[in-house]
PDB file of N, CA and C in Angstrom:
ATOM      1  N   UNK A   1     -21.644  -5.969  -2.995  1.00  0.00           N
ATOM      2  CA  UNK A   1     -20.793  -7.073  -4.031  1.00  0.00           C
ATOM      3  C   UNK A   1     -20.438  -8.118  -3.739  1.00  0.00           C
ATOM      4  N   UNK A   2     -20.135  -8.917  -4.998  1.00  0.00           N
ATOM      5  CA  UNK A   2     -20.709 -10.859  -4.691  1.00  0.00           C
ATOM      6  C   UNK A   2     -19.273 -10.801  -5.654  1.00  0.00           C
ATOM      7  N   UNK A   3     -19.229 -12.428  -5.946  1.00  0.00           N
ATOM      8  CA  UNK A   3     -18.396 -12.955  -6.853  1.00  0.00           C
ATOM      9  C   UNK A   3     -18.280 -12.475  -8.306  1.00  0.00           C
ATOM     10  N   UNK A   4     -19.224 -12.207  -8.912  1.00  0.00           N
ATOM     11  CA  UNK A   4     -20.157 -12.010  -9.382  1.00  0.00           C
ATOM     12  C   UNK A   4     -19.248 -10.746 -10.286  1.00  0.00           C
ATOM     13  N   UNK A   5     -19.180  -9.874  -8.741  1.00  0.00           N
ATOM     14  CA  UNK A   5     -18.386  -8.723  -9.417  1.00  0.00           C
ATOM     15  C   UNK A   5     -16.795  -8.408  -8.821  1.00  0.00           C
ATOM     16  N   UNK A   6     -16.750  -9.561  -8.060  1.00  0.00           N
ATOM     17  CA  UNK A   6     -14.827  -9.751  -8.108  1.00  0.00           C
ATOM     18  C   UNK A   6     -14.565  -9.745  -9.320  1.00  0.00           C
ATOM     19  N   UNK A   7     -14.748 -11.098 -10.423  1.00  0.00           N
ATOM     20  CA  UNK A   7     -14.676 -11.434 -10.854  1.00  0.00           C
ATOM     21  C   UNK A   7     -14.565 -10.758 -12.415  1.00  0.00           C
ATOM     22  N   UNK A   8     -15.586  -9.704 -11.990  1.00  0.00           N
ATOM     23  CA  UNK A   8     -15.526  -8.501 -13.741  1.00  0.00           C
ATOM     24  C   UNK A   8     -14.439  -7.765 -13.081  1.00  0.00           C
ATOM     25  N   UNK A   9     -14.280  -6.921 -12.113  1.00  0.00           N
ATOM     26  CA  UNK A   9     -13.237  -6.437 -11.355  1.00  0.00           C
ATOM     27  C   UNK A   9     -11.911  -6.308 -12.007  1.00  0.00           C
ATOM     28  N   UNK A  10     -11.408  -8.378 -12.100  1.00  0.00           N
ATOM     29  CA  UNK A  10      -9.920  -8.880 -12.474  1.00  0.00           C
ATOM     30  C   UNK A  10     -10.078  -9.214 -13.740  1.00  0.00           C
ATOM     31  N   UNK A  11     -10.939  -8.556 -14.499  1.00  0.00           N
ATOM     32  CA  UNK A  11     -10.862  -9.458 -15.540  1.00  0.00           C
ATOM     33  C   UNK A  11     -10.710  -7.949 -16.430  1.00  0.00           C
ATOM     34  N   UNK A  12     -11.572  -6.689 -16.242  1.00  0.00           N
ATOM     35  CA  UNK A  12     -11.323  -5.035 -16.012  1.00  0.00           C
ATOM     36  C   UNK A  12      -9.567  -4.983 -15.632  1.00  0.00           C
ATOM     37  N   UNK A  13      -8.909  -5.314 -14.615  1.00  0.00           N
ATOM     38  CA  UNK A  13      -7.727  -4.935 -14.771  1.00  0.00           C
ATOM     39  C   UNK A  13      -6.838  -5.686 -15.476  1.00  0.00           C
ATOM     40  N   UNK A  14      -7.220  -6.925 -15.709  1.00  0.00           N
ATOM     41  CA  UNK A  14      -6.343  -8.064 -16.580  1.00  0.00           C
ATOM     42  C   UNK A  14      -6.387  -7.253 -18.276  1.00  0.00           C
ATOM     43  N   UNK A  15      -7.487  -6.868 -18.764  1.00  0.00           N
ATOM     44  CA  UNK A  15      -7.657  -5.791 -19.728  1.00  0.00           C
ATOM     45  C   UNK A  15      -7.087  -4.307 -20.069  1.00  0.00           C
ATOM     46  N   UNK A  16      -7.065  -4.080 -18.188  1.00  0.00           N
ATOM     47  CA  UNK A  16      -5.959  -2.983 -18.646  1.00  0.00           C
ATOM     48  C   UNK A  16      -4.292  -3.156 -18.566  1.00  0.00           C
ATOM     49  N   UNK A  17      -4.069  -4.458 -18.321  1.00  0.00           N
ATOM     50  CA  UNK A  17      -2.903  -4.998 -18.297  1.00  0.00           C
ATOM     51  C   UNK A  17      -2.121  -4.394 -16.621  1.00  0.00           C
ATOM     52  N   UNK A  18      -3.230  -4.032 -15.782  1.00  0.00           N
ATOM     53  CA  UNK A  18      -2.480  -3.705 -14.182  1.00  0.00           C
ATOM     54  C   UNK A  18      -2.398  -4.897 -13.673  1.00  0.00           C
ATOM     55  N   UNK A  19      -1.037  -5.673 -12.580  1.00  0.00           N
ATOM     56  CA  UNK A  19      -0.559  -6.052 -12.250  1.00  0.00           C
ATOM     57  C   UNK A  19      -1.279  -6.478 -10.725  1.00  0.00           C
ATOM     58  N   UNK A  20      -2.030  -7.679 -10.701  1.00  0.00           N
ATOM     59  CA  UNK A  20      -1.899  -7.290  -8.956  1.00  0.00           C
ATOM     60  C   UNK A  20      -2.193  -9.328  -8.531  1.00  0.00           C
ATOM     61  N   UNK A  21      -2.997  -9.654  -7.184  1.00  0.00           N
ATOM     62  CA  UNK A  21      -2.438 -10.892  -6.590  1.00  0.00           C
ATOM     63  C   UNK A  21      -3.242 -10.646  -5.919  1.00  0.00           C
ATOM     64  N   UNK A  22      -3.955 -12.111  -5.563  1.00  0.00           N
ATOM     65  CA  UNK A  22      -5.392 -12.798  -4.830  1.00  0.00           C
ATOM     66  C   UNK A  22      -4.678 -12.797  -3.746  1.00  0.00           C
ATOM     67  N   UNK A  23      -5.269 -12.110  -2.826  1.00  0.00           N
ATOM     68  CA  UNK A  23      -4.472 -12.064  -1.325  1.00  0.00           C
ATOM     69  C   UNK A  23      -5.314 -12.461  -0.272  1.00  0.00           C
ATOM     70  N   UNK A  24      -5.397 -13.335   1.177  1.00  0.00           N
ATOM     71  CA  UNK A  24      -6.559 -13.736   1.865  1.00  0.00           C
ATOM     72  C   UNK A  24      -6.253 -13.135   3.355  1.00  0.00           C
ATOM     73  N   UNK A  25      -6.432 -11.885   3.815  1.00  0.00           N
ATOM     74  CA  UNK A  25      -5.784 -11.803   5.332  1.00  0.00           C
ATOM     75  C   UNK A  25      -6.472 -11.770   6.486  1.00  0.00           C
ATOM     76  N   UNK A  26      -7.536 -12.019   6.459  1.00  0.00           N
ATOM     77  CA  UNK A  26      -9.207 -11.777   6.928  1.00  0.00           C
ATOM     78  C   UNK A  26     -10.256 -12.243   6.696  1.00  0.00           C
ATOM     79  N   UNK A  27     -10.619 -13.676   7.575  1.00  0.00           N
ATOM     80  CA  UNK A  27     -11.300 -14.446   7.811  1.00  0.00           C
ATOM     81  C   UNK A  27     -12.230 -13.720   6.492  1.00  0.00           C
ATOM     82  N   UNK A  28     -12.801 -12.736   6.909  1.00  0.00           N
ATOM     83  CA  UNK A  28     -14.471 -12.262   5.557  1.00  0.00           C
ATOM     84  C   UNK A  28     -14.002 -11.626   4.637  1.00  0.00           C
ATOM     85  N   UNK A  29     -12.572 -12.026   4.097  1.00  0.00           N
ATOM     86  CA  UNK A  29     -12.094 -11.183   3.058  1.00  0.00           C
ATOM     87  C   UNK A  29     -12.157 -11.595   2.468  1.00  0.00           C
ATOM     88  N   UNK A  30     -11.893 -10.884   0.273  1.00  0.00           N
ATOM     89  CA  UNK A  30     -10.728 -11.794  -0.449  1.00  0.00           C
ATOM     90  C   UNK A  30     -10.312 -10.611  -0.499  1.00  0.00           C
ATOM     91  N   UNK A  31      -8.487 -10.261  -0.869  1.00  0.00           N
ATOM     92  CA  UNK A  31      -8.433  -9.370  -1.338  1.00  0.00           C
ATOM     93  C   UNK A  31      -7.249  -9.339  -2.324  1.00  0.00           C
ATOM     94  N   UNK A  32      -7.678  -7.924  -3.416  1.00  0.00           N
ATOM     95  CA  UNK A  32      -6.789  -7.820  -4.493  1.00  0.00           C
ATOM     96  C   UNK A  32      -5.667  -6.541  -4.162  1.00  0.00           C
ATOM     97  N   UNK A  33      -4.619  -7.180  -4.209  1.00  0.00           N
ATOM     98  CA  UNK A  33      -2.568  -6.319  -4.227  1.00  0.00           C
ATOM     99  C   UNK A  33      -2.791  -6.002  -5.110  1.00  0.00           C
ATOM    100  N   UNK A  34      -2.236  -4.419  -5.466  1.00  0.00           N
ATOM    101  CA  UNK A  34      -3.411  -3.541  -6.689  1.00  0.00           C
ATOM    102  C   UNK A  34      -1.390  -3.096  -6.531  1.00  0.00           C
ATOM    103  N   UNK A  35      -0.795  -3.048  -7.926  1.00  0.00           N
ATOM    104  CA  UNK A  35       0.358  -2.807  -7.995  1.00  0.00           C
ATOM    105  C   UNK A  35       0.523  -1.572  -9.142  1.00  0.00           C
ATOM    106  N   UNK A  36       0.991  -0.536  -9.082  1.00  0.00           N
ATOM    107  CA  UNK A  36       1.036   0.902 -10.087  1.00  0.00           C
ATOM    108  C   UNK A  36       2.146   1.389 -10.151  1.00  0.00           C
ATOM    109  N   UNK A  37       2.599   2.102 -11.067  1.00  0.00           N
ATOM    110  CA  UNK A  37       4.133   2.997 -10.098  1.00  0.00           C
ATOM    111  C   UNK A  37       3.432   3.482  -9.551  1.00  0.00           C
ATOM    112  N   UNK A  38       4.703   4.036  -8.168  1.00  0.00           N
ATOM    113  CA  UNK A  38       4.623   4.743  -7.262  1.00  0.00           C
ATOM    114  C   UNK A  38       3.094   5.118  -5.649  1.00  0.00           C
ATOM    115  N   UNK A  39       2.476   3.745  -6.395  1.00  0.00           N
ATOM    116  CA  UNK A  39       1.206   3.357  -5.605  1.00  0.00           C
ATOM    117  C   UNK A  39       1.169   1.230  -5.186  1.00  0.00           C
ATOM    118  N   UNK A  40       0.441   1.199  -3.996  1.00  0.00           N
ATOM    119  CA  UNK A  40      -0.085   0.186  -3.836  1.00  0.00           C
ATOM    120  C   UNK A  40      -1.457   0.217  -3.109  1.00  0.00           C
ATOM    121  N   UNK A  41      -2.411  -0.814  -3.698  1.00  0.00           N
ATOM    122  CA  UNK A  41      -4.252  -0.766  -3.633  1.00  0.00           C
ATOM    123  C   UNK A  41      -4.085  -2.279  -2.650  1.00  0.00           C
ATOM    124  N   UNK A  42      -5.098  -1.879  -1.900  1.00  0.00           N
ATOM    125  CA  UNK A  42      -5.697  -3.251  -0.826  1.00  0.00           C
ATOM    126  C   UNK A  42      -6.825  -2.824  -1.019  1.00  0.00           C
ATOM    127  N   UNK A  43      -7.437  -3.995  -2.163  1.00  0.00           N
ATOM    128  CA  UNK A  43      -9.195  -3.948  -2.620  1.00  0.00           C
ATOM    129  C   UNK A  43      -9.110  -4.479  -1.706  1.00  0.00           C
ATOM    130  N   UNK A  44     -10.237  -5.041  -0.318  1.00  0.00           N
ATOM    131  CA  UNK A  44     -10.466  -6.142   0.255  1.00  0.00           C
ATOM    132  C   UNK A  44     -11.985  -6.322  -0.437  1.00  0.00           C
ATOM    133  N   UNK A  45     -12.698  -7.063  -0.968  1.00  0.00           N
ATOM    134  CA  UNK A  45     -13.873  -7.982  -0.930  1.00  0.00           C
ATOM    135  C   UNK A  45     -14.647  -8.394  -0.166  1.00  0.00           C
ATOM    136  N   UNK A  46     -15.391  -8.066   0.623  1.00  0.00           N
ATOM    137  CA  UNK A  46     -15.836  -8.617   2.490  1.00  0.00           C
ATOM    138  C   UNK A  46     -17.353  -9.651   1.965  1.00  0.00           C
ATOM    139  N   UNK A  47     -17.349 -10.733   2.703  1.00  0.00           N
ATOM    140  CA  UNK A  47     -18.647 -11.460   3.154  1.00  0.00           C
ATOM    141  C   UNK A  47     -19.877 -10.926   2.614  1.00  0.00           C
ATOM    142  N   UNK A  48     -20.203  -9.426   3.400  1.00  0.00           N
ATOM    143  CA  UNK A  48     -21.012  -9.443   3.357  1.00  0.00           C
ATOM    144  C   UNK A  48     -21.786  -8.074   2.314  1.00  0.00           C
ATOM    145  N   UNK A  49     -20.265  -7.960   1.254  1.00  0.00           N
ATOM    146  CA  UNK A  49     -20.594  -7.360   0.029  1.00  0.00           C
ATOM    147  C   UNK A  49     -19.877  -6.379   0.126  1.00  0.00           C
ATOM    148  N   UNK A  50     -19.617  -5.869   0.711  1.00  0.00           N
ATOM    149  CA  UNK A  50     -18.708  -4.429   0.346  1.00  0.00           C
ATOM    150  C   UNK A  50     -17.536  -4.805   0.305  1.00  0.00           C
ATOM    151  N   UNK A  51     -17.308  -3.609   0.051  1.00  0.00           N
ATOM    152  CA  UNK A  51     -15.375  -3.546  -0.301  1.00  0.00           C
ATOM    153  C   UNK A  51     -14.840  -1.958   0.108  1.00  0.00           C
ATOM    154  N   UNK A  52     -13.947  -2.630   0.223  1.00  0.00           N
ATOM    155  CA  UNK A  52     -12.634  -1.514   1.180  1.00  0.00           C
ATOM    156  C   UNK A  52     -11.460  -1.575   0.897  1.00  0.00           C
ATOM    157  N   UNK A  53     -11.072  -0.015   0.338  1.00  0.00           N
ATOM    158  CA  UNK A  53      -9.895   0.485  -0.865  1.00  0.00           C
ATOM    159  C   UNK A  53      -8.719   1.113   0.411  1.00  0.00           C
ATOM    160  N   UNK A  54      -7.503   0.393   0.337  1.00  0.00           N
ATOM    161  CA  UNK A  54      -6.627   1.039   1.149  1.00  0.00           C
ATOM    162  C   UNK A  54      -5.344   1.938  -0.174  1.00  0.00           C
ATOM    163  N   UNK A  55      -4.737   2.898  -0.069  1.00  0.00           N
ATOM    164  CA  UNK A  55      -4.118   2.947  -1.225  1.00  0.00           C
ATOM    165  C   UNK A  55      -2.507   3.614  -0.002  1.00  0.00           C
ATOM    166  N   UNK A  56      -1.232   2.620  -0.590  1.00  0.00           N
ATOM    167  CA  UNK A  56      -0.498   3.391  -0.678  1.00  0.00           C
ATOM    168  C   UNK A  56       0.344   4.492  -0.939  1.00  0.00           C
ATOM    169  N   UNK A  57       0.329   5.138  -1.210  1.00  0.00           N
ATOM    170  CA  UNK A  57       1.637   6.346  -1.621  1.00  0.00           C
ATOM    171  C   UNK A  57       3.008   6.686  -1.856  1.00  0.00           C
ATOM    172  N   UNK A  58       3.749   6.112  -2.478  1.00  0.00           N
ATOM    173  CA  UNK A  58       4.715   6.440  -2.092  1.00  0.00           C
ATOM    174  C   UNK A  58       5.037   7.673  -2.030  1.00  0.00           C
ATOM    175  N   UNK A  59       6.458   9.027  -1.151  1.00  0.00           N
ATOM    176  CA  UNK A  59       6.743  10.110  -1.241  1.00  0.00           C
ATOM    177  C   UNK A  59       7.409  10.290  -1.921  1.00  0.00           C
ATOM    178  N   UNK A  60       7.857   9.334  -3.361  1.00  0.00           N
ATOM    179  CA  UNK A  60       9.065   9.851  -3.952  1.00  0.00           C
ATOM    180  C   UNK A  60      10.751   9.716  -3.388  1.00  0.00           C
ATOM    181  N   UNK A  61      10.504   9.265  -2.435  1.00  0.00           N
ATOM    182  CA  UNK A  61      12.061   9.950  -1.710  1.00  0.00           C
ATOM    183  C   UNK A  61      12.632   7.708  -2.161  1.00  0.00           C
ATOM    184  N   UNK A  62      13.486   7.806  -2.400  1.00  0.00           N
ATOM    185  CA  UNK A  62      14.907   6.427  -2.683  1.00  0.00           C
ATOM    186  C   UNK A  62      15.361   7.373  -1.062  1.00  0.00           C
ATOM    187  N   UNK A  63      16.065   5.581  -0.965  1.00  0.00           N
ATOM    188  CA  UNK A  63      16.693   5.953   0.889  1.00  0.00           C
ATOM    189  C   UNK A  63      17.579   4.558   0.350  1.00  0.00           C
ATOM    190  N   UNK A  64      19.024   4.514   0.762  1.00  0.00           N
ATOM    191  CA  UNK A  64      20.035   3.805   0.141  1.00  0.00           C
ATOM    192  C   UNK A  64      20.124   2.375   1.344  1.00  0.00           C
ATOM    193  N   UNK A  65      21.014   1.617   1.756  1.00  0.00           N
ATOM    194  CA  UNK A  65      21.067   0.692   2.019  1.00  0.00           C
ATOM    195  C   UNK A  65      21.215   0.099   3.707  1.00  0.00           C
ATOM    196  N   UNK A  66      21.952   1.712   4.430  1.00  0.00           N
ATOM    197  CA  UNK A  66      21.466   2.048   5.619  1.00  0.00           C
ATOM    198  C   UNK A  66      19.869   2.210   6.055  1.00  0.00           C
ATOM    199  N   UNK A  67      19.033   2.219   5.701  1.00  0.00           N
ATOM    200  CA  UNK A  67      17.562   2.156   5.671  1.00  0.00           C
ATOM    201  C   UNK A  67      16.522   0.621   6.451  1.00  0.00           C
ATOM    202  N   UNK A  68      17.717   0.108   6.140  1.00  0.00           N
ATOM    203  CA  UNK A  68      17.319  -2.034   6.876  1.00  0.00           C
ATOM    204  C   UNK A  68      17.267  -1.286   7.595  1.00  0.00           C
ATOM    205  N   UNK A  69      18.574  -1.176   8.532  1.00  0.00           N
ATOM    206  CA  UNK A  69      18.300  -0.909  10.219  1.00  0.00           C
ATOM    207  C   UNK A  69      17.383   0.142  10.733  1.00  0.00           C
ATOM    208  N   UNK A  70      16.782   0.614   9.743  1.00  0.00           N
ATOM    209  CA  UNK A  70      15.658   1.274  10.705  1.00  0.00           C
ATOM    210  C   UNK A  70      14.542   0.236  10.568  1.00  0.00           C
ATOM    211  N   UNK A  71      13.907  -0.051   9.319  1.00  0.00           N
ATOM    212  CA  UNK A  71      13.827  -0.874   9.249  1.00  0.00           C
ATOM    213  C   UNK A  71      13.626  -2.274  10.046  1.00  0.00           C
ATOM    214  N   UNK A  72      14.436  -3.057  10.757  1.00  0.00           N
ATOM    215  CA  UNK A  72      14.908  -3.762  11.775  1.00  0.00           C
ATOM    216  C   UNK A  72      14.612  -3.209  13.020  1.00  0.00           C
ATOM    217  N   UNK A  73      15.530  -2.242  12.898  1.00  0.00           N
ATOM    218  CA  UNK A  73      15.236  -0.933  14.389  1.00  0.00           C
ATOM    219  C   UNK A  73      13.766  -0.761  15.319  1.00  0.00           C
ATOM    220  N   UNK A  74      13.417  -0.490  13.787  1.00  0.00           N
ATOM    221  CA  UNK A  74      11.371   0.222  14.020  1.00  0.00           C
ATOM    222  C   UNK A  74      10.005  -1.223  14.550  1.00  0.00           C
ATOM    223  N   UNK A  75      11.025  -2.321  13.780  1.00  0.00           N
ATOM    224  CA  UNK A  75       9.188  -3.534  12.997  1.00  0.00           C
ATOM    225  C   UNK A  75       9.818  -4.284  13.816  1.00  0.00           C
ATOM    226  N   UNK A  76      10.952  -4.709  14.343  1.00  0.00           N
ATOM    227  CA  UNK A  76      11.432  -6.185  15.087  1.00  0.00           C
ATOM    228  C   UNK A  76      10.830  -6.198  16.385  1.00  0.00           C
ATOM    229  N   UNK A  77      10.258  -7.566  16.817  1.00  0.00           N
ATOM    230  CA  UNK A  77       9.968  -7.846  18.159  1.00  0.00           C
ATOM    231  C   UNK A  77      10.395  -8.360  18.947  1.00  0.00           C
TER     232      UNK A  77
END
């Protein structure tokens, strides 16, 4: 898939009123970050024409402010 397919994909998201952002985290890819209720998708269009999709799906749980400490303890450098 090339730039034409990427643009068609973005147009389809816009027509469907689906929120997205463009990002670049790897030298060889453009990332489309998509946010829908309960999910976040990362769709990467790579320079060799492949498309990689990773989905982050919520477990439906909500946490209180104490969870911020868990974030700091578990993921800080």
